[in-house]
Protein backbone atom coordinates (compact mmCIF):
# COMPACT_ATOMS: atom_id res chain seq x y z
CA MET A 1 53.94 30.35 22.71
CA ASN A 2 50.18 30.28 22.07
CA GLU A 3 48.55 33.65 21.60
CA PRO A 4 45.70 34.57 23.97
CA GLN A 5 42.21 33.86 22.68
CA ARG A 6 39.63 36.62 22.32
CA SER A 7 35.88 36.22 21.98
CA ARG A 8 33.34 38.59 20.49
CA VAL A 9 29.59 38.46 20.02
CA LEU A 10 28.45 38.03 16.42
CA PRO A 11 25.47 39.87 14.89
CA ASP A 12 23.43 36.66 14.86
CA GLY A 13 23.95 36.10 18.57
CA GLY A 14 26.65 33.45 18.25
CA THR A 15 30.23 33.81 19.39
CA GLU A 16 33.57 33.72 17.61
CA THR A 17 36.82 32.84 19.34
CA GLU A 18 39.87 34.43 17.77
CA SER A 19 43.37 33.05 18.19
CA GLY A 20 46.65 33.11 16.39
CA ASP A 21 45.66 30.19 14.14
CA ASP A 22 42.17 31.61 13.38
CA THR A 23 40.34 28.53 14.73
CA GLY A 24 37.61 27.96 17.30
CA ARG A 25 34.59 29.59 15.69
CA SER A 26 31.37 28.37 17.35
CA GLU A 27 27.96 29.66 16.34
CA ASP A 28 24.47 29.03 17.76
CA GLY A 29 25.66 26.94 20.67
CA GLY A 30 27.08 24.13 18.56
CA SER A 31 24.31 23.99 15.98
CA ALA A 32 26.81 23.05 13.27
CA ALA A 33 27.72 19.90 15.16
CA ALA A 34 24.03 19.11 15.70
CA ALA A 35 23.32 19.61 11.99
CA SER A 36 26.16 17.25 11.15
CA ALA A 37 24.73 14.62 13.49
CA ASP A 38 21.29 15.02 11.89
CA ALA A 39 22.82 14.57 8.44
CA ASP A 40 24.55 11.41 9.61
CA ASP A 41 21.23 10.08 10.93
CA GLU A 42 19.62 10.58 7.52
CA ASP A 43 22.14 8.15 6.04
CA ARG A 44 21.52 5.43 8.64
CA GLU A 45 18.78 2.87 9.08
CA PHE A 46 17.28 2.67 12.57
CA ALA A 47 15.08 0.24 14.47
CA VAL A 48 13.11 0.76 17.68
CA ALA A 49 13.83 -1.75 20.45
CA LEU A 50 10.81 -3.88 21.38
CA ASP A 51 12.46 -6.13 23.98
CA VAL A 52 15.98 -6.48 25.36
CA LEU A 53 17.23 -9.83 26.70
CA PRO A 54 20.56 -9.51 28.53
CA GLN A 55 20.71 -13.30 29.04
CA GLY A 56 20.23 -14.12 25.37
CA ARG A 57 17.54 -15.80 23.32
CA PRO A 58 14.83 -17.79 25.14
CA GLY A 59 15.22 -21.52 24.61
CA ASP A 60 18.96 -21.28 23.90
CA ASP A 61 20.37 -24.20 25.94
CA ARG A 62 24.01 -23.26 25.57
CA PRO A 63 26.02 -22.28 28.66
CA GLN A 64 25.53 -18.64 29.58
CA TYR A 65 29.12 -17.70 28.71
CA GLN A 66 28.41 -18.72 25.11
CA LYS A 67 25.29 -16.57 24.78
CA SER A 68 25.13 -12.88 23.87
CA PRO A 69 22.50 -10.30 24.81
CA ILE A 70 19.89 -9.79 22.11
CA ALA A 71 17.16 -7.30 21.32
CA TYR A 72 14.08 -7.52 19.16
CA ALA A 73 13.41 -4.36 17.19
CA LEU A 74 11.12 -2.80 14.59
CA GLY A 75 12.63 -1.07 11.57
CA GLU A 76 11.65 2.56 11.15
CA ALA A 77 11.90 2.64 7.36
CA ASP A 78 9.82 -0.38 6.39
CA PHE A 79 8.57 -1.92 9.66
CA ARG A 80 10.58 -5.11 9.32
CA LEU A 81 11.22 -7.10 12.50
CA PHE A 82 14.78 -7.81 13.57
CA GLU A 83 16.74 -9.77 16.11
CA LEU A 84 19.89 -7.87 17.08
CA THR A 85 22.89 -9.51 18.71
CA LEU A 86 24.36 -7.02 21.17
CA ALA A 87 27.76 -6.60 22.75
CA ASP A 88 28.08 -7.90 26.31
CA ASP A 89 28.41 -4.38 27.68
CA ALA A 90 25.50 -2.94 25.64
CA ASP A 91 23.16 -0.72 27.65
CA ARG A 92 19.88 -0.74 25.74
CA SER A 93 16.26 -0.32 26.78
CA VAL A 94 12.83 -0.78 25.20
CA GLY A 95 12.03 2.22 22.99
CA ASP A 96 15.66 3.00 22.12
CA ARG A 97 16.48 3.86 18.51
CA ILE A 98 19.30 1.54 17.44
CA ALA A 99 21.28 2.02 14.24
CA ILE A 100 21.37 -1.20 12.22
CA GLU A 101 22.81 0.00 8.92
CA PRO A 102 25.55 0.96 9.38
CA ARG A 103 25.40 -0.92 12.67
CA ALA A 104 25.83 0.77 16.00
CA ASP A 105 29.05 -0.10 17.81
CA ASP A 106 27.21 -2.32 20.30
CA VAL A 107 25.39 -4.35 17.59
CA SER A 108 27.51 -7.23 16.29
CA ARG A 109 24.94 -8.55 13.80
CA TYR A 110 21.24 -8.61 13.03
CA ARG A 111 18.76 -10.74 11.13
CA GLU A 112 15.19 -10.38 10.00
CA VAL A 113 12.61 -12.41 11.94
CA SER A 114 8.88 -13.01 11.78
CA HIS A 115 6.20 -11.95 14.23
CA ASP A 116 6.06 -15.52 15.55
CA ASP A 117 9.74 -15.30 16.55
CA LEU A 118 9.13 -12.41 18.95
CA THR A 119 8.89 -12.71 22.69
CA HIS A 120 5.52 -11.94 24.26
CA ASN A 121 6.88 -8.64 25.54
CA ALA A 122 8.21 -7.65 22.10
CA ALA A 123 4.90 -8.46 20.42
CA ALA A 124 3.02 -6.39 23.01
CA GLU A 125 5.33 -3.42 22.38
CA ILE A 126 4.70 -3.21 18.62
CA GLU A 127 1.74 -0.85 18.93
CA TYR A 128 3.73 1.66 20.98
CA ALA A 129 6.72 1.45 18.63
CA VAL A 130 4.58 2.04 15.55
CA GLU A 131 2.96 5.05 17.21
CA GLN A 132 6.41 6.40 18.10
CA ILE A 133 7.67 6.03 14.53
CA VAL A 134 4.57 7.65 13.02
CA GLU A 135 4.52 10.55 15.47
CA GLU A 136 8.22 11.32 15.03
CA ASP A 137 7.97 11.33 11.22
CA GLU A 138 4.46 12.75 10.77
CA ARG A 139 5.17 14.34 7.41
CA ARG A 140 6.04 10.99 5.85
CA PHE A 141 2.76 9.41 6.90
CA VAL A 142 0.58 12.44 6.20
CA ASP A 143 1.93 12.21 2.67
CA PHE A 144 0.37 8.77 2.37
CA TYR A 145 -2.97 10.57 2.33
CA ASN A 146 -1.57 13.06 -0.20
CA ASP A 147 0.02 10.55 -2.56
CA ALA A 148 -1.87 7.24 -2.26
CA GLU A 149 -2.85 5.83 -5.66
CA PRO A 150 -5.12 3.02 -6.90
CA ILE A 151 -3.95 -0.59 -6.59
CA THR A 152 -6.44 -1.93 -9.14
CA LEU A 153 -9.37 -0.46 -11.03
CA ARG A 154 -11.62 -1.30 -8.09
CA LEU A 155 -9.28 -0.94 -5.10
CA HIS A 156 -7.48 2.15 -3.86
CA ARG A 157 -4.66 2.18 -1.30
CA LEU A 158 -6.77 4.47 0.89
CA ASN A 159 -9.38 1.70 1.14
CA LEU A 160 -6.84 -0.50 2.94
CA LEU A 161 -7.10 1.75 5.98
CA PRO A 162 -9.67 0.50 8.51
CA GLY A 163 -13.02 2.25 8.20
CA ILE A 164 -12.28 4.06 4.94
CA GLY A 165 -14.88 3.11 2.36
CA LYS A 166 -15.75 4.61 -0.98
CA LYS A 167 -17.30 7.80 0.43
CA LEU A 168 -14.41 8.73 2.71
CA ARG A 169 -11.89 7.78 0.03
CA ASN A 170 -13.54 10.11 -2.47
CA ASN A 171 -13.68 12.88 0.11
CA VAL A 172 -9.93 12.55 0.66
CA LEU A 173 -9.22 12.53 -3.08
CA ASP A 174 -11.41 15.58 -3.69
CA GLU A 175 -10.02 17.55 -0.76
CA ARG A 176 -6.35 16.92 -1.54
CA LYS A 177 -6.91 18.43 -5.00
CA ARG A 178 -7.55 21.72 -3.23
CA GLY A 179 -4.18 21.52 -1.51
CA PRO A 180 -1.98 18.94 0.21
CA PHE A 181 -2.67 17.94 3.78
CA GLU A 182 -0.15 19.41 6.20
CA SER A 183 -0.76 17.31 9.32
CA PHE A 184 -3.03 14.67 10.80
CA GLU A 185 -4.95 17.47 12.45
CA ASP A 186 -5.40 19.14 9.08
CA ILE A 187 -6.79 15.89 7.64
CA ALA A 188 -9.26 15.50 10.51
CA ASP A 189 -10.40 19.11 10.12
CA ARG A 190 -10.90 18.92 6.37
CA ILE A 191 -12.38 15.42 5.97
CA SER A 192 -15.75 15.01 7.64
CA GLY A 193 -16.01 11.56 9.19
CA LEU A 194 -12.26 10.89 9.30
CA HIS A 195 -11.64 11.86 12.90
CA ARG A 196 -8.62 9.63 13.61
CA PRO A 197 -6.38 9.67 10.52
CA LYS A 198 -3.25 8.79 12.49
CA GLU A 199 -4.86 5.97 14.44
CA VAL A 200 -6.35 4.18 11.41
CA LEU A 201 -2.99 4.35 9.67
CA VAL A 202 -1.23 2.93 12.75
CA GLU A 203 -3.85 0.16 12.91
CA ARG A 204 -3.16 -0.80 9.30
CA ILE A 205 0.61 -0.88 9.86
CA ILE A 206 0.19 -3.17 12.87
CA GLU A 207 -2.04 -5.49 10.85
CA GLU A 208 0.59 -5.71 8.10
CA ILE A 209 3.28 -6.54 10.68
CA ARG A 210 1.26 -9.26 12.40
CA GLU A 211 -0.54 -10.94 9.49
CA ASP A 212 1.33 -13.20 7.08
CA ASP A 213 -1.45 -13.77 4.56
CA LEU A 214 -2.42 -10.24 3.56
CA LYS A 215 -2.73 -9.82 -0.18
CA TYR A 216 -1.58 -6.20 -0.16
CA ARG A 217 1.04 -4.49 1.97
CA VAL A 218 1.59 -0.75 1.72
CA PHE A 219 3.81 0.01 4.70
CA VAL A 220 5.63 -3.22 5.57
CA ASP A 221 8.38 -4.53 3.31
CA ARG A 222 9.25 -8.15 4.02
CA ARG A 223 12.43 -8.98 2.17
CA ASP A 224 11.96 -12.71 2.60
CA ASP A 225 8.47 -12.78 1.03
């Protein structure tokens, strides 16, 4: 017969359930499970959905029963564009984060596509998706200002950002020697004339996604180039 379970409050505010088999400990309202989920996310590659087409790809003339739902998405890690083939029962919406490596259960396959392959709605959603990615991983993009290095003797990576010329570039380089930037707000406060550090970075990322003939790409990694 199972022994009755007893609970007691722990010093840190969590609870511990005691039973005959010494199992059932739960602290901080399930924070251990949440931490495990976060760790799993760190090992996965995600993309943000730009458009979801339950009836399949536009221009596909096959009978409907032969077509699968698809989604167009933007990779979070390197801003590559993807077409995802979804399961028939997939319930996805624009803005969703979808695991592509390893694939989510409702993604049967995916392939890299170009900007020209996107639907009009997907192309229009890129700006919002880039902003979402940058805002949710601010530290990563603030560190671009901390770590950017020269490309050539005459061109610095900072100069690729819209509106950043020699003067602003030198101001950033001088100021970061005094201490790393901690946030976009910190950059704006410390660099006179650079009032929109997040926005100019987002603008550059969008340009790299849309333009095929750029000589330098800092944020977008196109594997088929």
